[in-house]
N, C-alpha and C. Protein backbone atom coordinates (compact mmCIF):
# COMPACT_ATOMS: atom_id res chain seq x y z
N UNK A 1 72.64 116.66 122.02
CA UNK A 1 74.30 116.54 121.76
C UNK A 1 74.99 116.59 120.57
N UNK A 2 76.07 117.05 120.50
CA UNK A 2 77.05 117.29 119.23
C UNK A 2 78.31 116.48 119.04
N UNK A 3 78.72 115.96 118.34
CA UNK A 3 79.94 114.93 118.43
C UNK A 3 80.87 115.91 117.73
N UNK A 4 81.94 116.49 118.02
CA UNK A 4 83.33 116.99 117.57
C UNK A 4 84.30 116.68 117.34
N UNK A 5 84.73 116.52 115.55
CA UNK A 5 85.71 115.41 115.70
C UNK A 5 87.04 116.21 115.43
N UNK A 6 88.36 115.90 116.46
CA UNK A 6 89.52 116.98 115.69
C UNK A 6 90.09 116.88 114.79
N UNK A 7 90.67 117.58 113.80
CA UNK A 7 91.40 117.21 112.74
C UNK A 7 92.70 118.42 112.61
N UNK A 8 93.44 118.03 111.87
CA UNK A 8 94.74 119.23 111.35
C UNK A 8 94.36 119.75 110.45
N UNK A 9 94.72 121.06 110.37
CA UNK A 9 94.23 122.14 109.30
C UNK A 9 95.33 122.16 108.37
N UNK A 10 95.21 121.26 107.06
CA UNK A 10 96.35 121.35 106.02
C UNK A 10 96.56 122.51 105.07
N UNK A 11 95.37 123.09 104.77
CA UNK A 11 95.58 124.34 104.29
C UNK A 11 94.64 125.40 104.37
N UNK A 12 94.88 126.18 104.27
CA UNK A 12 93.45 127.57 104.63
C UNK A 12 93.55 128.27 103.13
N UNK A 13 92.26 129.11 102.48
CA UNK A 13 92.02 129.64 101.38
C UNK A 13 90.83 130.17 101.70
N UNK A 14 90.61 131.16 100.95
CA UNK A 14 89.22 131.98 100.63
C UNK A 14 88.52 131.47 99.52
N UNK A 15 86.95 131.37 99.76
CA UNK A 15 86.20 130.78 98.98
C UNK A 15 84.77 131.72 98.99
N UNK A 16 84.48 132.70 97.74
CA UNK A 16 83.70 133.30 98.06
C UNK A 16 83.50 134.25 99.71
N UNK A 17 84.70 134.68 99.36
CA UNK A 17 84.59 135.76 101.06
C UNK A 17 84.84 134.59 101.91
N UNK A 18 84.65 133.55 102.49
CA UNK A 18 84.93 132.34 103.42
C UNK A 18 86.30 131.90 103.76
N UNK A 19 86.18 131.68 104.94
CA UNK A 19 87.64 131.28 105.31
C UNK A 19 87.56 129.75 105.71
N UNK A 20 87.91 129.11 104.39
CA UNK A 20 88.11 127.65 104.55
C UNK A 20 89.09 127.08 104.61
N UNK A 21 89.31 125.64 104.81
CA UNK A 21 90.09 124.80 105.05
C UNK A 21 90.10 123.21 104.53
N UNK A 22 91.19 122.63 104.25
CA UNK A 22 91.34 121.61 103.99
C UNK A 22 91.75 120.97 104.87
N UNK A 23 91.00 119.83 105.88
CA UNK A 23 91.37 119.26 107.35
C UNK A 23 91.46 117.97 107.18
N UNK A 24 92.47 117.51 107.88
CA UNK A 24 92.76 115.76 107.96
C UNK A 24 92.45 115.32 108.92
N UNK A 25 91.29 114.46 109.17
CA UNK A 25 90.65 113.89 110.06
C UNK A 25 91.24 112.03 110.28
N UNK A 26 92.39 112.15 110.34
CA UNK A 26 93.22 110.47 110.64
C UNK A 26 93.19 110.21 109.30
N UNK A 27 93.83 110.93 108.29
CA UNK A 27 94.07 110.27 106.82
C UNK A 27 92.49 110.39 105.90
N UNK A 28 91.43 110.87 106.63
CA UNK A 28 90.20 111.36 105.83
C UNK A 28 90.44 112.90 105.56
N UNK A 29 90.77 113.71 104.31
CA UNK A 29 90.85 114.73 104.46
C UNK A 29 89.55 115.67 103.61
N UNK A 30 88.67 116.68 104.36
CA UNK A 30 87.48 117.14 104.26
C UNK A 30 87.50 118.73 104.19
N UNK A 31 86.76 119.47 103.18
CA UNK A 31 86.85 120.78 102.73
C UNK A 31 86.06 121.16 104.42
N UNK A 32 86.87 122.51 105.30
CA UNK A 32 86.14 122.61 106.25
C UNK A 32 86.03 124.15 105.98
N UNK A 33 84.71 124.97 106.59
CA UNK A 33 84.58 126.05 106.92
C UNK A 33 85.42 126.57 108.34
N UNK A 34 86.26 127.73 108.05
CA UNK A 34 87.08 127.84 109.26
C UNK A 34 86.65 129.30 109.95
N UNK A 35 85.67 129.75 109.47
CA UNK A 35 84.80 131.27 110.12
C UNK A 35 84.99 131.28 111.54
N UNK A 36 84.59 130.09 112.25
CA UNK A 36 84.37 130.10 113.69
C UNK A 36 85.78 130.41 114.32
N UNK A 37 87.02 129.89 113.78
CA UNK A 37 88.23 129.67 114.19
C UNK A 37 89.10 130.77 113.52
N UNK A 38 88.83 132.19 113.68
CA UNK A 38 89.58 132.97 112.73
C UNK A 38 91.23 132.79 113.22
N UNK A 39 91.49 132.60 114.35
CA UNK A 39 93.40 132.71 114.39
C UNK A 39 93.94 131.64 114.31
N UNK A 40 92.76 130.28 113.84
CA UNK A 40 93.47 129.16 113.47
C UNK A 40 94.53 129.16 112.48
N UNK A 41 95.65 128.41 112.18
CA UNK A 41 96.68 128.16 111.55
C UNK A 41 97.09 126.99 111.14
N UNK A 42 97.73 126.67 109.82
CA UNK A 42 97.78 125.80 109.18
C UNK A 42 98.52 124.56 110.15
N UNK A 43 98.80 123.53 110.14
CA UNK A 43 99.23 122.93 111.12
C UNK A 43 98.64 123.02 112.69
N UNK A 44 97.99 123.35 112.94
CA UNK A 44 97.17 123.13 114.28
C UNK A 44 95.86 122.43 113.94
N UNK A 45 95.25 122.10 115.34
CA UNK A 45 94.27 121.23 115.39
C UNK A 45 93.18 121.71 115.85
N UNK A 46 91.35 121.49 115.10
CA UNK A 46 90.33 122.06 115.38
C UNK A 46 89.44 120.85 115.38
N UNK A 47 88.51 121.31 116.21
CA UNK A 47 87.08 120.56 116.63
C UNK A 47 86.17 120.80 115.33
N UNK A 48 85.38 119.58 114.82
CA UNK A 48 85.07 120.22 114.04
C UNK A 48 83.39 119.67 114.01
N UNK A 49 82.24 120.00 113.44
CA UNK A 49 80.94 119.50 113.46
C UNK A 49 80.44 120.32 112.50
N UNK A 50 79.77 119.06 111.56
CA UNK A 50 79.17 119.30 110.59
C UNK A 50 79.46 120.40 109.74
N UNK A 51 80.94 119.85 109.04
CA UNK A 51 82.07 120.90 108.20
C UNK A 51 82.45 122.04 108.69
N UNK A 52 82.34 122.21 110.11
CA UNK A 52 82.38 124.01 110.54
C UNK A 52 83.48 123.84 111.76
N UNK A 53 84.24 124.17 111.70
CA UNK A 53 85.33 124.42 112.53
C UNK A 53 84.78 124.88 113.64
N UNK A 54 84.58 124.79 115.47
CA UNK A 54 84.01 125.48 116.34
C UNK A 54 84.81 125.82 117.29
N UNK A 55 86.02 125.07 117.30
CA UNK A 55 87.54 125.52 118.36
C UNK A 55 88.62 124.99 118.05
N UNK A 56 89.83 125.93 118.15
CA UNK A 56 90.80 125.10 118.65
C UNK A 56 91.01 124.06 119.57
N UNK A 57 92.20 123.25 119.01
CA UNK A 57 92.55 121.96 119.96
C UNK A 57 94.09 121.87 120.08
N UNK A 58 94.59 121.42 121.45
CA UNK A 58 95.67 121.62 121.53
C UNK A 58 96.19 120.20 120.79
N UNK A 59 97.59 120.09 120.25
CA UNK A 59 97.65 118.95 120.01
C UNK A 59 98.14 117.50 120.49
N UNK A 60 98.36 117.52 121.61
CA UNK A 60 98.47 116.56 122.64
C UNK A 60 96.98 116.38 122.88
N UNK A 61 96.41 116.88 122.98
CA UNK A 61 94.66 116.44 123.17
C UNK A 61 94.28 116.07 122.36
N UNK A 62 94.59 116.47 121.04
CA UNK A 62 93.77 115.89 119.56
C UNK A 62 93.97 114.68 119.58
N UNK A 63 95.46 114.69 119.51
CA UNK A 63 96.54 113.15 119.27
C UNK A 63 95.83 111.84 120.51
N UNK A 64 95.77 112.36 121.46
CA UNK A 64 94.67 111.48 122.88
C UNK A 64 93.52 110.85 121.89
N UNK A 65 92.51 112.03 121.71
CA UNK A 65 91.21 111.81 121.18
C UNK A 65 91.21 111.36 120.26
N UNK A 66 91.77 111.24 118.79
CA UNK A 66 92.00 110.10 117.35
C UNK A 66 92.63 109.22 118.42
N UNK A 67 93.17 108.65 119.25
CA UNK A 67 93.33 107.34 119.44
C UNK A 67 92.28 106.73 120.24
N UNK A 68 91.54 107.34 121.30
CA UNK A 68 90.33 106.89 121.65
C UNK A 68 89.46 106.86 120.79
N UNK A 69 89.34 107.22 119.80
CA UNK A 69 88.16 106.99 118.83
C UNK A 69 88.70 106.15 118.21
N UNK A 70 90.00 105.95 117.99
CA UNK A 70 90.10 104.61 116.73
C UNK A 70 90.01 103.25 118.10
N UNK A 71 90.66 103.42 118.98
CA UNK A 71 89.96 102.26 120.10
C UNK A 71 88.48 101.60 119.72
N UNK A 72 87.70 103.01 119.99
CA UNK A 72 86.08 102.95 119.94
C UNK A 72 85.94 102.20 118.46
N UNK A 73 86.50 102.24 117.39
CA UNK A 73 86.17 102.18 116.24
C UNK A 73 86.16 100.33 116.46
N UNK A 74 87.44 100.40 116.90
CA UNK A 74 87.63 98.79 116.56
C UNK A 74 86.95 97.79 117.40
N UNK A 75 86.09 98.36 118.30
CA UNK A 75 85.70 97.15 119.02
C UNK A 75 84.51 96.73 118.48
N UNK A 76 84.08 95.21 118.61
CA UNK A 76 83.24 94.61 118.15
C UNK A 76 81.82 94.80 119.02
N UNK A 77 80.90 94.84 118.48
CA UNK A 77 79.62 94.77 119.02
C UNK A 77 78.58 93.37 119.05
């Protein structure tokens, strides 16, 4: 099983022939490979697993998922 995290594409660029982007994950920005989502645009949300965007995501659904992940992060064991 894998866990994909939603992030917002901040910018898109080409790196050595690969479509790459800077993606914001609730304040943390990471370089992400966007080859798997060729139609994604800056400002849109994508699901990222292991540094690769694997699908686009609706903004409302992405924000709900981020809120749920924040709640889980706030739980103490």
